[in-house]
Amino acid sequence: MLSEKEMLERELEKLIEARDSFLAYLDMHIPKDTKGLNFDFSTQPTIDAQSVYEHFYKLDYQARKIRGFLVGKFGLKA
């Protein structure tokens, strides 16, 4: 059985993976500005809303899962 620390580390890894996947998706579909740092929405790129939602949902789910653990473990107010 995993310790609480090991469980939290695994969930944080999943959160980072979901974030990286979400950002990679945006990078593939939205151009960057001339400096290559920020997304350039001036061309009004069109991306699939369902795909955006699926990527965001995975990220949000992991964040809520970790938040629930931390709120319960440390008695924080939600």
Protein backbone atom coordinates (compact mmCIF):
# COMPACT_ATOMS: atom_id res chain seq x y z
CA MET A 1 0.00 0.00 0.00
CA LEU A 2 1.20 3.48 -0.86
CA SER A 3 2.01 6.01 1.81
CA GLU A 4 0.17 9.33 1.72
CA LYS A 5 3.34 10.99 0.43
CA GLU A 6 3.71 8.45 -2.39
CA MET A 7 0.05 8.80 -3.31
CA LEU A 8 0.30 12.57 -3.42
CA GLU A 9 3.49 12.39 -5.50
CA ARG A 10 1.71 10.16 -8.04
CA GLU A 11 -1.26 12.50 -8.20
CA LEU A 12 1.04 15.50 -8.65
CA GLU A 13 2.78 13.68 -11.51
CA LYS A 14 -0.62 13.13 -13.13
CA LEU A 15 -1.42 16.83 -12.67
CA ILE A 16 1.84 17.84 -14.36
CA GLU A 17 1.21 15.38 -17.21
CA ALA A 18 -2.31 16.77 -17.72
CA ARG A 19 -0.97 20.33 -17.71
CA ASP A 20 1.79 19.47 -20.18
CA SER A 21 -0.71 17.71 -22.45
CA PHE A 22 -3.08 20.68 -22.34
CA LEU A 23 -0.32 23.16 -23.16
CA ALA A 24 1.03 20.93 -25.94
CA TYR A 25 -2.45 20.83 -27.46
CA LEU A 26 -2.67 24.62 -27.37
CA ASP A 27 0.84 24.91 -28.83
CA MET A 28 -0.19 22.72 -31.76
CA HIS A 29 -3.30 24.74 -32.58
CA ILE A 30 -2.62 28.36 -31.62
CA PRO A 31 0.30 30.31 -33.07
CA LYS A 32 2.74 32.14 -30.82
CA ASP A 33 3.65 35.80 -30.99
CA THR A 34 6.81 36.98 -32.75
CA LYS A 35 8.89 36.34 -29.64
CA GLY A 36 7.48 32.82 -29.38
CA LEU A 37 6.43 33.33 -25.76
CA ASN A 38 2.72 34.08 -25.77
CA PHE A 39 -0.21 32.72 -27.70
CA ASP A 40 -1.21 35.04 -30.54
CA PHE A 41 -5.00 35.23 -30.68
CA SER A 42 -4.98 38.12 -33.17
CA THR A 43 -5.56 35.70 -36.05
CA GLN A 44 -8.56 34.31 -34.16
CA PRO A 45 -7.55 30.66 -34.44
CA THR A 46 -10.36 28.13 -34.32
CA ILE A 47 -9.86 25.01 -32.24
CA ASP A 48 -12.13 22.12 -31.39
CA ALA A 49 -14.02 23.06 -28.23
CA GLN A 50 -14.61 19.43 -27.25
CA SER A 51 -10.87 18.69 -27.39
CA VAL A 52 -10.08 21.78 -25.35
CA TYR A 53 -12.67 20.72 -22.77
CA GLU A 54 -11.29 17.16 -22.60
CA HIS A 55 -7.77 18.44 -21.96
CA PHE A 56 -8.97 21.00 -19.42
CA TYR A 57 -11.18 18.47 -17.65
CA LYS A 58 -8.22 16.13 -17.04
CA LEU A 59 -6.22 19.01 -15.63
CA ASP A 60 -9.09 20.26 -13.49
CA TYR A 61 -9.92 16.76 -12.23
CA GLN A 62 -6.37 16.21 -10.99
CA ALA A 63 -6.29 19.63 -9.33
CA ARG A 64 -9.60 18.96 -7.54
CA LYS A 65 -8.41 15.51 -6.47
CA ILE A 66 -5.24 16.93 -4.91
CA ARG A 67 -7.18 19.82 -3.38
CA GLY A 68 -9.57 17.38 -1.72
CA PHE A 69 -6.68 15.43 -0.25
CA LEU A 70 -5.01 18.57 1.09
CA VAL A 71 -8.23 20.00 2.52
CA GLY A 72 -8.91 16.71 4.31
CA LYS A 73 -5.35 16.14 5.48
CA PHE A 74 -4.72 19.62 6.83
CA GLY A 75 -8.24 20.60 7.81
CA LEU A 76 -8.27 23.52 5.41
CA LYS A 77 -11.46 25.32 4.55
CA ALA A 78 -12.57 24.62 0.99
